[in-house]
Amino acid sequence: MTAHSVHISVFPLGSSEPPRALDAIRTAWLAPAWVSKRAIDGAWLLEIAMEAPLPGDEDAAAFTERISVAIWRRVGRYVKVVVDVAQDESDTSHRREFGRTDYLKLMRAT
């Protein structure tokens, strides 16, 4: 299996929501190697990074959508999710920023 470098950012979160978003990531994928949470103007930013294979036969697009839906379900509302997936030492990456329109579309579909 090919390793991927994955970076996920979730914002804005309330003070009690970073652990729930992190739990969603751990449940849907695995425990990240690096986790940062910090307050920015009264809201919380959660960032995670990990190098590992994507689950099963998922491609980057399917993985980013599945992780975002897992976060939204666990948090219980819309938050902006940005997922960047790069294949092992590759110059190319799959970066996806999920806005409110993506949230509505994906949550209806699942």
PDB file of N, CA and C in Angstrom:
ATOM      1  N   MET A   1       0.842  -1.183   0.000  1.00  0.00           N
ATOM      2  CA  MET A   1       0.000   0.000   0.000  1.00  0.00           C
ATOM      3  C   MET A   1       0.887   1.246   0.000  1.00  0.00           C
ATOM      4  N   THR A   2       0.477   2.227  -0.768  1.00  0.00           N
ATOM      5  CA  THR A   2       1.233   3.454  -0.889  1.00  0.00           C
ATOM      6  C   THR A   2       0.909   4.414   0.254  1.00  0.00           C
ATOM      7  N   ALA A   3       1.927   4.970   0.867  1.00  0.00           N
ATOM      8  CA  ALA A   3       1.722   5.941   1.940  1.00  0.00           C
ATOM      9  C   ALA A   3       1.305   7.280   1.349  1.00  0.00           C
ATOM     10  N   HIS A   4       0.457   7.979   2.069  1.00  0.00           N
ATOM     11  CA  HIS A   4       0.012   9.307   1.685  1.00  0.00           C
ATOM     12  C   HIS A   4       0.272  10.254   2.857  1.00  0.00           C
ATOM     13  N   SER A   5       0.605  11.477   2.526  1.00  0.00           N
ATOM     14  CA  SER A   5       0.729  12.528   3.529  1.00  0.00           C
ATOM     15  C   SER A   5      -0.604  13.265   3.565  1.00  0.00           C
ATOM     16  N   VAL A   6      -1.250  13.260   4.726  1.00  0.00           N
ATOM     17  CA  VAL A   6      -2.581  13.840   4.863  1.00  0.00           C
ATOM     18  C   VAL A   6      -2.542  14.952   5.900  1.00  0.00           C
ATOM     19  N   HIS A   7      -3.117  16.100   5.532  1.00  0.00           N
ATOM     20  CA  HIS A   7      -3.263  17.222   6.454  1.00  0.00           C
ATOM     21  C   HIS A   7      -4.727  17.627   6.434  1.00  0.00           C
ATOM     22  N   ILE A   8      -5.335  17.720   7.611  1.00  0.00           N
ATOM     23  CA  ILE A   8      -6.745  18.099   7.731  1.00  0.00           C
ATOM     24  C   ILE A   8      -6.852  19.294   8.671  1.00  0.00           C
ATOM     25  N   SER A   9      -7.618  20.299   8.238  1.00  0.00           N
ATOM     26  CA  SER A   9      -7.911  21.469   9.065  1.00  0.00           C
ATOM     27  C   SER A   9      -9.418  21.585   9.229  1.00  0.00           C
ATOM     28  N   VAL A  10      -9.861  21.881  10.451  1.00  0.00           N
ATOM     29  CA  VAL A  10     -11.285  22.034  10.744  1.00  0.00           C
ATOM     30  C   VAL A  10     -11.471  23.338  11.511  1.00  0.00           C
ATOM     31  N   PHE A  11     -12.375  24.219  10.993  1.00  0.00           N
ATOM     32  CA  PHE A  11     -12.564  25.550  11.588  1.00  0.00           C
ATOM     33  C   PHE A  11     -13.892  26.115  11.109  1.00  0.00           C
ATOM     34  N   PRO A  12     -14.613  26.870  11.898  1.00  0.00           N
ATOM     35  CA  PRO A  12     -14.423  27.214  13.305  1.00  0.00           C
ATOM     36  C   PRO A  12     -15.133  26.214  14.213  1.00  0.00           C
ATOM     37  N   LEU A  13     -14.490  25.842  15.251  1.00  0.00           N
ATOM     38  CA  LEU A  13     -15.036  24.922  16.236  1.00  0.00           C
ATOM     39  C   LEU A  13     -15.268  25.647  17.555  1.00  0.00           C
ATOM     40  N   GLY A  14     -16.295  25.212  18.294  1.00  0.00           N
ATOM     41  CA  GLY A  14     -16.490  25.689  19.647  1.00  0.00           C
ATOM     42  C   GLY A  14     -15.474  25.024  20.562  1.00  0.00           C
ATOM     43  N   SER A  15     -15.375  25.501  21.775  1.00  0.00           N
ATOM     44  CA  SER A  15     -14.336  25.011  22.687  1.00  0.00           C
ATOM     45  C   SER A  15     -14.456  23.521  23.001  1.00  0.00           C
ATOM     46  N   SER A  16     -15.648  22.954  22.941  1.00  0.00           N
ATOM     47  CA  SER A  16     -15.818  21.526  23.244  1.00  0.00           C
ATOM     48  C   SER A  16     -15.778  20.646  21.995  1.00  0.00           C
ATOM     49  N   GLU A  17     -15.648  21.224  20.809  1.00  0.00           N
ATOM     50  CA  GLU A  17     -15.753  20.452  19.577  1.00  0.00           C
ATOM     51  C   GLU A  17     -14.457  19.848  19.028  1.00  0.00           C
ATOM     52  N   PRO A  18     -13.261  20.395  19.305  1.00  0.00           N
ATOM     53  CA  PRO A  18     -12.055  19.748  18.772  1.00  0.00           C
ATOM     54  C   PRO A  18     -11.910  18.270  19.149  1.00  0.00           C
ATOM     55  N   PRO A  19     -12.195  17.859  20.384  1.00  0.00           N
ATOM     56  CA  PRO A  19     -12.087  16.423  20.688  1.00  0.00           C
ATOM     57  C   PRO A  19     -13.074  15.567  19.891  1.00  0.00           C
ATOM     58  N   ARG A  20     -14.255  16.104  19.617  1.00  0.00           N
ATOM     59  CA  ARG A  20     -15.238  15.347  18.820  1.00  0.00           C
ATOM     60  C   ARG A  20     -14.784  15.213  17.376  1.00  0.00           C
ATOM     61  N   ALA A  21     -14.250  16.292  16.797  1.00  0.00           N
ATOM     62  CA  ALA A  21     -13.741  16.232  15.424  1.00  0.00           C
ATOM     63  C   ALA A  21     -12.568  15.248  15.340  1.00  0.00           C
ATOM     64  N   LEU A  22     -11.684  15.294  16.321  1.00  0.00           N
ATOM     65  CA  LEU A  22     -10.545  14.376  16.350  1.00  0.00           C
ATOM     66  C   LEU A  22     -11.018  12.928  16.495  1.00  0.00           C
ATOM     67  N   ASP A  23     -12.023  12.703  17.331  1.00  0.00           N
ATOM     68  CA  ASP A  23     -12.586  11.364  17.490  1.00  0.00           C
ATOM     69  C   ASP A  23     -13.164  10.857  16.163  1.00  0.00           C
ATOM     70  N   ALA A  24     -13.798  11.734  15.410  1.00  0.00           N
ATOM     71  CA  ALA A  24     -14.356  11.352  14.100  1.00  0.00           C
ATOM     72  C   ALA A  24     -13.246  10.902  13.160  1.00  0.00           C
ATOM     73  N   ILE A  25     -12.138  11.623  13.154  1.00  0.00           N
ATOM     74  CA  ILE A  25     -11.005  11.273  12.296  1.00  0.00           C
ATOM     75  C   ILE A  25     -10.417   9.930  12.728  1.00  0.00           C
ATOM     76  N   ARG A  26     -10.241   9.752  14.021  1.00  0.00           N
ATOM     77  CA  ARG A  26      -9.697   8.483  14.536  1.00  0.00           C
ATOM     78  C   ARG A  26     -10.606   7.303  14.191  1.00  0.00           C
ATOM     79  N   THR A  27     -11.898   7.490  14.310  1.00  0.00           N
ATOM     80  CA  THR A  27     -12.855   6.423  14.040  1.00  0.00           C
ATOM     81  C   THR A  27     -12.933   6.116  12.545  1.00  0.00           C
ATOM     82  N   ALA A  28     -12.926   7.155  11.711  1.00  0.00           N
ATOM     83  CA  ALA A  28     -13.065   6.971  10.262  1.00  0.00           C
ATOM     84  C   ALA A  28     -11.771   6.552   9.583  1.00  0.00           C
ATOM     85  N   TRP A  29     -10.635   6.816  10.233  1.00  0.00           N
ATOM     86  CA  TRP A  29      -9.352   6.479   9.613  1.00  0.00           C
ATOM     87  C   TRP A  29      -8.405   5.895  10.642  1.00  0.00           C
ATOM     88  N   LEU A  30      -7.625   6.750  11.314  1.00  0.00           N
ATOM     89  CA  LEU A  30      -6.689   6.309  12.347  1.00  0.00           C
ATOM     90  C   LEU A  30      -6.259   7.500  13.184  1.00  0.00           C
ATOM     91  N   ALA A  31      -5.500   7.222  14.218  1.00  0.00           N
ATOM     92  CA  ALA A  31      -5.025   8.295  15.100  1.00  0.00           C
ATOM     93  C   ALA A  31      -3.886   9.050  14.425  1.00  0.00           C
ATOM     94  N   PRO A  32      -4.027  10.357  14.247  1.00  0.00           N
ATOM     95  CA  PRO A  32      -2.971  11.121  13.575  1.00  0.00           C
ATOM     96  C   PRO A  32      -1.694  11.214  14.403  1.00  0.00           C
ATOM     97  N   ALA A  33      -0.577  11.370  13.702  1.00  0.00           N
ATOM     98  CA  ALA A  33       0.729  11.478  14.362  1.00  0.00           C
ATOM     99  C   ALA A  33       0.926  12.860  14.966  1.00  0.00           C
ATOM    100  N   TRP A  34       0.305  13.869  14.365  1.00  0.00           N
ATOM    101  CA  TRP A  34       0.466  15.241  14.832  1.00  0.00           C
ATOM    102  C   TRP A  34      -0.904  15.886  14.939  1.00  0.00           C
ATOM    103  N   VAL A  35      -1.173  16.520  16.080  1.00  0.00           N
ATOM    104  CA  VAL A  35      -2.448  17.198  16.317  1.00  0.00           C
ATOM    105  C   VAL A  35      -2.155  18.556  16.931  1.00  0.00           C
ATOM    106  N   SER A  36      -2.842  19.578  16.421  1.00  0.00           N
ATOM    107  CA  SER A  36      -2.723  20.919  16.983  1.00  0.00           C
ATOM    108  C   SER A  36      -4.118  21.516  17.089  1.00  0.00           C
ATOM    109  N   LYS A  37      -4.403  22.141  18.209  1.00  0.00           N
ATOM    110  CA  LYS A  37      -5.637  22.912  18.327  1.00  0.00           C
ATOM    111  C   LYS A  37      -5.281  24.248  18.966  1.00  0.00           C
ATOM    112  N   ARG A  38      -5.866  25.294  18.391  1.00  0.00           N
ATOM    113  CA  ARG A  38      -5.572  26.620  18.927  1.00  0.00           C
ATOM    114  C   ARG A  38      -6.751  27.543  18.713  1.00  0.00           C
ATOM    115  N   ALA A  39      -6.875  28.500  19.619  1.00  0.00           N
ATOM    116  CA  ALA A  39      -7.959  29.475  19.544  1.00  0.00           C
ATOM    117  C   ALA A  39      -7.567  30.610  18.604  1.00  0.00           C
ATOM    118  N   ILE A  40      -8.514  30.997  17.760  1.00  0.00           N
ATOM    119  CA  ILE A  40      -8.335  32.128  16.854  1.00  0.00           C
ATOM    120  C   ILE A  40      -9.600  32.967  16.941  1.00  0.00           C
ATOM    121  N   ASP A  41      -9.496  34.144  17.511  1.00  0.00           N
ATOM    122  CA  ASP A  41     -10.633  35.067  17.622  1.00  0.00           C
ATOM    123  C   ASP A  41     -11.888  34.406  18.189  1.00  0.00           C
ATOM    124  N   GLY A  42     -11.743  33.635  19.248  1.00  0.00           N
ATOM    125  CA  GLY A  42     -12.882  33.040  19.927  1.00  0.00           C
ATOM    126  C   GLY A  42     -13.349  31.705  19.373  1.00  0.00           C
ATOM    127  N   ALA A  43     -12.757  31.238  18.286  1.00  0.00           N
ATOM    128  CA  ALA A  43     -13.100  29.928  17.719  1.00  0.00           C
ATOM    129  C   ALA A  43     -11.852  29.048  17.756  1.00  0.00           C
ATOM    130  N   TRP A  44     -12.042  27.756  17.585  1.00  0.00           N
ATOM    131  CA  TRP A  44     -10.925  26.810  17.639  1.00  0.00           C
ATOM    132  C   TRP A  44     -10.625  26.247  16.263  1.00  0.00           C
ATOM    133  N   LEU A  45      -9.339  26.132  15.963  1.00  0.00           N
ATOM    134  CA  LEU A  45      -8.840  25.491  14.747  1.00  0.00           C
ATOM    135  C   LEU A  45      -8.194  24.176  15.157  1.00  0.00           C
ATOM    136  N   LEU A  46      -8.628  23.086  14.520  1.00  0.00           N
ATOM    137  CA  LEU A  46      -8.019  21.777  14.717  1.00  0.00           C
ATOM    138  C   LEU A  46      -7.262  21.430  13.452  1.00  0.00           C
ATOM    139  N   GLU A  47      -6.010  21.039  13.608  1.00  0.00           N
ATOM    140  CA  GLU A  47      -5.203  20.587  12.487  1.00  0.00           C
ATOM    141  C   GLU A  47      -4.596  19.239  12.850  1.00  0.00           C
ATOM    142  N   ILE A  48      -4.577  18.337  11.868  1.00  0.00           N
ATOM    143  CA  ILE A  48      -3.934  17.044  12.077  1.00  0.00           C
ATOM    144  C   ILE A  48      -3.067  16.735  10.867  1.00  0.00           C
ATOM    145  N   ALA A  49      -2.047  15.918  11.090  1.00  0.00           N
ATOM    146  CA  ALA A  49      -1.198  15.462   9.990  1.00  0.00           C
ATOM    147  C   ALA A  49      -0.822  14.008  10.252  1.00  0.00           C
ATOM    148  N   MET A  50      -0.716  13.255   9.155  1.00  0.00           N
ATOM    149  CA  MET A  50      -0.379  11.841   9.265  1.00  0.00           C
ATOM    150  C   MET A  50       0.155  11.348   7.937  1.00  0.00           C
ATOM    151  N   GLU A  51       1.096  10.438   7.981  1.00  0.00           N
ATOM    152  CA  GLU A  51       1.558   9.743   6.783  1.00  0.00           C
ATOM    153  C   GLU A  51       1.195   8.284   6.942  1.00  0.00           C
ATOM    154  N   ALA A  52       0.295   7.825   6.054  1.00  0.00           N
ATOM    155  CA  ALA A  52      -0.192   6.448   6.122  1.00  0.00           C
ATOM    156  C   ALA A  52      -0.944   6.139   4.840  1.00  0.00           C
ATOM    157  N   PRO A  53      -1.155   4.871   4.561  1.00  0.00           N
ATOM    158  CA  PRO A  53      -1.969   4.512   3.396  1.00  0.00           C
ATOM    159  C   PRO A  53      -3.421   4.942   3.605  1.00  0.00           C
ATOM    160  N   LEU A  54      -4.100   5.254   2.516  1.00  0.00           N
ATOM    161  CA  LEU A  54      -5.532   5.519   2.594  1.00  0.00           C
ATOM    162  C   LEU A  54      -6.240   4.188   2.815  1.00  0.00           C
ATOM    163  N   PRO A  55      -7.412   4.211   3.445  1.00  0.00           N
ATOM    164  CA  PRO A  55      -8.114   2.958   3.728  1.00  0.00           C
ATOM    165  C   PRO A  55      -8.510   2.204   2.466  1.00  0.00           C
ATOM    166  N   GLY A  56      -8.347   0.900   2.485  1.00  0.00           N
ATOM    167  CA  GLY A  56      -8.800   0.034   1.403  1.00  0.00           C
ATOM    168  C   GLY A  56      -8.375   0.491   0.031  1.00  0.00           C
ATOM    169  N   ASP A  57      -9.333   0.538  -0.861  1.00  0.00           N
ATOM    170  CA  ASP A  57      -9.047   0.959  -2.227  1.00  0.00           C
ATOM    171  C   ASP A  57      -9.543   2.376  -2.501  1.00  0.00           C
ATOM    172  N   GLU A  58      -9.716   3.186  -1.461  1.00  0.00           N
ATOM    173  CA  GLU A  58     -10.203   4.558  -1.625  1.00  0.00           C
ATOM    174  C   GLU A  58      -9.191   5.424  -2.350  1.00  0.00           C
ATOM    175  N   ASP A  59      -9.687   6.276  -3.239  1.00  0.00           N
ATOM    176  CA  ASP A  59      -8.818   7.286  -3.826  1.00  0.00           C
ATOM    177  C   ASP A  59      -8.917   8.542  -2.966  1.00  0.00           C
ATOM    178  N   ALA A  60      -8.105   9.537  -3.282  1.00  0.00           N
ATOM    179  CA  ALA A  60      -8.043  10.754  -2.461  1.00  0.00           C
ATOM    180  C   ALA A  60      -9.389  11.471  -2.407  1.00  0.00           C
ATOM    181  N   ALA A  61     -10.106  11.531  -3.530  1.00  0.00           N
ATOM    182  CA  ALA A  61     -11.393  12.233  -3.566  1.00  0.00           C
ATOM    183  C   ALA A  61     -12.413  11.574  -2.638  1.00  0.00           C
ATOM    184  N   ALA A  62     -12.523  10.257  -2.700  1.00  0.00           N
ATOM    185  CA  ALA A  62     -13.468   9.540  -1.840  1.00  0.00           C
ATOM    186  C   ALA A  62     -13.078   9.668  -0.368  1.00  0.00           C
ATOM    187  N   PHE A  63     -11.787   9.598  -0.099  1.00  0.00           N
ATOM    188  CA  PHE A  63     -11.296   9.716   1.279  1.00  0.00           C
ATOM    189  C   PHE A  63     -11.641  11.085   1.865  1.00  0.00           C
ATOM    190  N   THR A  64     -11.398  12.163   1.105  1.00  0.00           N
ATOM    191  CA  THR A  64     -11.656  13.509   1.627  1.00  0.00           C
ATOM    192  C   THR A  64     -13.141  13.707   1.921  1.00  0.00           C
ATOM    193  N   GLU A  65     -14.002  13.178   1.064  1.00  0.00           N
ATOM    194  CA  GLU A  65     -15.443  13.309   1.296  1.00  0.00           C
ATOM    195  C   GLU A  65     -15.871  12.509   2.524  1.00  0.00           C
ATOM    196  N   ARG A  66     -15.392  11.299   2.647  1.00  0.00           N
ATOM    197  CA  ARG A  66     -15.782  10.435   3.767  1.00  0.00           C
ATOM    198  C   ARG A  66     -15.326  11.008   5.108  1.00  0.00           C
ATOM    199  N   ILE A  67     -14.106  11.520   5.158  1.00  0.00           N
ATOM    200  CA  ILE A  67     -13.592  12.115   6.403  1.00  0.00           C
ATOM    201  C   ILE A  67     -14.398  13.356   6.776  1.00  0.00           C
ATOM    202  N   SER A  68     -14.726  14.181   5.781  1.00  0.00           N
ATOM    203  CA  SER A  68     -15.502  15.403   6.047  1.00  0.00           C
ATOM    204  C   SER A  68     -16.884  15.067   6.599  1.00  0.00           C
ATOM    205  N   VAL A  69     -17.557  14.104   5.993  1.00  0.00           N
ATOM    206  CA  VAL A  69     -18.878  13.698   6.474  1.00  0.00           C
ATOM    207  C   VAL A  69     -18.782  13.151   7.898  1.00  0.00           C
ATOM    208  N   ALA A  70     -17.758  12.372   8.189  1.00  0.00           N
ATOM    209  CA  ALA A  70     -17.577  11.839   9.550  1.00  0.00           C
ATOM    210  C   ALA A  70     -17.406  12.971  10.564  1.00  0.00           C
ATOM    211  N   ILE A  71     -16.637  13.993  10.208  1.00  0.00           N
ATOM    212  CA  ILE A  71     -16.433  15.141  11.107  1.00  0.00           C
ATOM    213  C   ILE A  71     -17.753  15.877  11.323  1.00  0.00           C
ATOM    214  N   TRP A  72     -18.472  16.175  10.254  1.00  0.00           N
ATOM    215  CA  TRP A  72     -19.746  16.899  10.384  1.00  0.00           C
ATOM    216  C   TRP A  72     -20.746  16.131  11.235  1.00  0.00           C
ATOM    217  N   ARG A  73     -20.810  14.838  11.039  1.00  0.00           N
ATOM    218  CA  ARG A  73     -21.746  14.036  11.836  1.00  0.00           C
ATOM    219  C   ARG A  73     -21.375  14.065  13.312  1.00  0.00           C
ATOM    220  N   ARG A  74     -20.099  13.930  13.599  1.00  0.00           N
ATOM    221  CA  ARG A  74     -19.655  13.872  15.005  1.00  0.00           C
ATOM    222  C   ARG A  74     -19.796  15.230  15.684  1.00  0.00           C
ATOM    223  N   VAL A  75     -19.483  16.309  14.955  1.00  0.00           N
ATOM    224  CA  VAL A  75     -19.615  17.653  15.525  1.00  0.00           C
ATOM    225  C   VAL A  75     -21.092  18.046  15.602  1.00  0.00           C
ATOM    226  N   GLY A  76     -21.880  17.581  14.646  1.00  0.00           N
ATOM    227  CA  GLY A  76     -23.312  17.848  14.672  1.00  0.00           C
ATOM    228  C   GLY A  76     -23.746  19.088  13.915  1.00  0.00           C
ATOM    229  N   ARG A  77     -22.835  19.634  13.098  1.00  0.00           N
ATOM    230  CA  ARG A  77     -23.171  20.831  12.332  1.00  0.00           C
ATOM    231  C   ARG A  77     -22.099  21.061  11.278  1.00  0.00           C
ATOM    232  N   TYR A  78     -22.330  22.101  10.459  1.00  0.00           N
ATOM    233  CA  TYR A  78     -21.337  22.456   9.454  1.00  0.00           C
ATOM    234  C   TYR A  78     -20.146  23.161  10.092  1.00  0.00           C
ATOM    235  N   VAL A  79     -18.956  22.751   9.724  1.00  0.00           N
ATOM    236  CA  VAL A  79     -17.704  23.469   9.969  1.00  0.00           C
ATOM    237  C   VAL A  79     -16.877  23.320   8.695  1.00  0.00           C
ATOM    238  N   LYS A  80     -16.061  24.289   8.393  1.00  0.00           N
ATOM    239  CA  LYS A  80     -15.235  24.215   7.190  1.00  0.00           C
ATOM    240  C   LYS A  80     -14.155  23.155   7.391  1.00  0.00           C
ATOM    241  N   VAL A  81     -14.030  22.263   6.409  1.00  0.00           N
ATOM    242  CA  VAL A  81     -13.031  21.200   6.456  1.00  0.00           C
ATOM    243  C   VAL A  81     -12.154  21.316   5.219  1.00  0.00           C
ATOM    244  N   VAL A  82     -10.840  21.337   5.425  1.00  0.00           N
ATOM    245  CA  VAL A  82      -9.880  21.351   4.326  1.00  0.00           C
ATOM    246  C   VAL A  82      -9.011  20.110   4.465  1.00  0.00           C
ATOM    247  N   VAL A  83      -8.951  19.322   3.390  1.00  0.00           N
ATOM    248  CA  VAL A  83      -8.175  18.083   3.410  1.00  0.00           C
ATOM    249  C   VAL A  83      -7.174  18.127   2.264  1.00  0.00           C
ATOM    250  N   ASP A  84      -5.916  17.909   2.579  1.00  0.00           N
ATOM    251  CA  ASP A  84      -4.856  17.870   1.576  1.00  0.00           C
ATOM    252  C   ASP A  84      -4.214  16.486   1.632  1.00  0.00           C
ATOM    253  N   VAL A  85      -4.236  15.778   0.498  1.00  0.00           N
ATOM    254  CA  VAL A  85      -3.679  14.430   0.417  1.00  0.00           C
ATOM    255  C   VAL A  85      -2.609  14.421  -0.666  1.00  0.00           C
ATOM    256  N   ALA A  86      -1.394  14.045  -0.304  1.00  0.00           N
ATOM    257  CA  ALA A  86      -0.302  13.941  -1.275  1.00  0.00           C
ATOM    258  C   ALA A  86       0.265  12.534  -1.219  1.00  0.00           C
ATOM    259  N   GLN A  87       0.512  11.989  -2.389  1.00  0.00           N
ATOM    260  CA  GLN A  87       1.094  10.652  -2.436  1.00  0.00           C
ATOM    261  C   GLN A  87       2.579  10.737  -2.109  1.00  0.00           C
ATOM    262  N   ASP A  88       3.099   9.730  -1.474  1.00  0.00           N
ATOM    263  CA  ASP A  88       4.490   9.590  -1.062  1.00  0.00           C
ATOM    264  C   ASP A  88       5.485  10.389  -1.904  1.00  0.00           C
ATOM    265  N   GLU A  89       6.033  11.454  -1.346  1.00  0.00           N
ATOM    266  CA  GLU A  89       7.072  12.280  -1.968  1.00  0.00           C
ATOM    267  C   GLU A  89       6.703  12.778  -3.369  1.00  0.00           C
ATOM    268  N   SER A  90       5.434  12.953  -3.631  1.00  0.00           N
ATOM    269  CA  SER A  90       4.969  13.432  -4.926  1.00  0.00           C
ATOM    270  C   SER A  90       4.790  14.941  -4.886  1.00  0.00           C
ATOM    271  N   ASP A  91       4.982  15.563  -6.031  1.00  0.00           N
ATOM    272  CA  ASP A  91       4.771  17.003  -6.115  1.00  0.00           C
ATOM    273  C   ASP A  91       3.293  17.345  -6.233  1.00  0.00           C
ATOM    274  N   THR A  92       2.486  16.378  -6.590  1.00  0.00           N
ATOM    275  CA  THR A  92       1.062  16.630  -6.768  1.00  0.00           C
ATOM    276  C   THR A  92       0.300  16.242  -5.508  1.00  0.00           C
ATOM    277  N   SER A  93      -0.747  17.002  -5.252  1.00  0.00           N
ATOM    278  CA  SER A  93      -1.593  16.683  -4.108  1.00  0.00           C
ATOM    279  C   SER A  93      -3.043  16.913  -4.498  1.00  0.00           C
ATOM    280  N   HIS A  94      -3.916  16.334  -3.729  1.00  0.00           N
ATOM    281  CA  HIS A  94      -5.353  16.512  -3.892  1.00  0.00           C
ATOM    282  C   HIS A  94      -5.809  17.344  -2.704  1.00  0.00           C
ATOM    283  N   ARG A  95      -6.120  18.611  -2.944  1.00  0.00           N
ATOM    284  CA  ARG A  95      -6.569  19.508  -1.878  1.00  0.00           C
ATOM    285  C   ARG A  95      -8.026  19.822  -2.103  1.00  0.00           C
ATOM    286  N   ARG A  96      -8.806  19.654  -1.069  1.00  0.00           N
ATOM    287  CA  ARG A  96     -10.235  19.909  -1.194  1.00  0.00           C
ATOM    288  C   ARG A  96     -10.696  20.736  -0.011  1.00  0.00           C
ATOM    289  N   GLU A  97     -11.351  21.823  -0.292  1.00  0.00           N
ATOM    290  CA  GLU A  97     -11.926  22.684   0.734  1.00  0.00           C
ATOM    291  C   GLU A  97     -13.436  22.513   0.675  1.00  0.00           C
ATOM    292  N   PHE A  98     -14.015  22.058   1.757  1.00  0.00           N
ATOM    293  CA  PHE A  98     -15.442  21.774   1.802  1.00  0.00           C
ATOM    294  C   PHE A  98     -16.190  22.945   2.434  1.00  0.00           C
ATOM    295  N   GLY A  99     -17.001  23.601   1.630  1.00  0.00           N
ATOM    296  CA  GLY A  99     -17.820  24.719   2.096  1.00  0.00           C
ATOM    297  C   GLY A  99     -19.226  24.264   2.437  1.00  0.00           C
ATOM    298  N   ARG A 100     -20.080  25.223   2.714  1.00  0.00           N
ATOM    299  CA  ARG A 100     -21.457  24.932   3.117  1.00  0.00           C
ATOM    300  C   ARG A 100     -22.236  24.195   2.013  1.00  0.00           C
ATOM    301  N   THR A 101     -22.012  24.541   0.758  1.00  0.00           N
ATOM    302  CA  THR A 101     -22.692  23.869  -0.353  1.00  0.00           C
ATOM    303  C   THR A 101     -22.297  22.389  -0.403  1.00  0.00           C
ATOM    304  N   ASP A 102     -20.996  22.101  -0.216  1.00  0.00           N
ATOM    305  CA  ASP A 102     -20.529  20.709  -0.173  1.00  0.00           C
ATOM    306  C   ASP A 102     -21.177  19.965   0.990  1.00  0.00           C
ATOM    307  N   TYR A 103     -21.266  20.634   2.127  1.00  0.00           N
ATOM    308  CA  TYR A 103     -21.885  20.048   3.315  1.00  0.00           C
ATOM    309  C   TYR A 103     -23.320  19.613   3.009  1.00  0.00           C
ATOM    310  N   LEU A 104     -24.110  20.524   2.451  1.00  0.00           N
ATOM    311  CA  LEU A 104     -25.494  20.215   2.161  1.00  0.00           C
ATOM    312  C   LEU A 104     -25.613  19.061   1.161  1.00  0.00           C
ATOM    313  N   LYS A 105     -24.798  19.093   0.113  1.00  0.00           N
ATOM    314  CA  LYS A 105     -24.825  18.045  -0.919  1.00  0.00           C
ATOM    315  C   LYS A 105     -24.433  16.686  -0.342  1.00  0.00           C
ATOM    316  N   LEU A 106     -23.297  16.639   0.366  1.00  0.00           N
ATOM    317  CA  LEU A 106     -22.809  15.359   0.892  1.00  0.00           C
ATOM    318  C   LEU A 106     -23.675  14.798   1.999  1.00  0.00           C
ATOM    319  N   MET A 107     -24.200  15.653   2.846  1.00  0.00           N
ATOM    320  CA  MET A 107     -25.034  15.163   3.950  1.00  0.00           C
ATOM    321  C   MET A 107     -26.367  14.626   3.427  1.00  0.00           C
ATOM    322  N   ARG A 108     -26.886  15.204   2.351  1.00  0.00           N
ATOM    323  CA  ARG A 108     -28.116  14.688   1.745  1.00  0.00           C
ATOM    324  C   ARG A 108     -27.871  13.330   1.091  1.00  0.00           C
ATOM    325  N   ALA A 109     -26.677  13.157   0.532  1.00  0.00           N
ATOM    326  CA  ALA A 109     -26.350  11.942  -0.205  1.00  0.00           C
ATOM    327  C   ALA A 109     -26.050  10.745   0.702  1.00  0.00           C
ATOM    328  N   THR A 110     -25.743  11.009   1.965  1.00  0.00           N
ATOM    329  CA  THR A 110     -25.363   9.912   2.867  1.00  0.00           C
ATOM    330  C   THR A 110     -26.425   9.622   3.904  1.00  0.00           C
TER     331      THR A 110
END
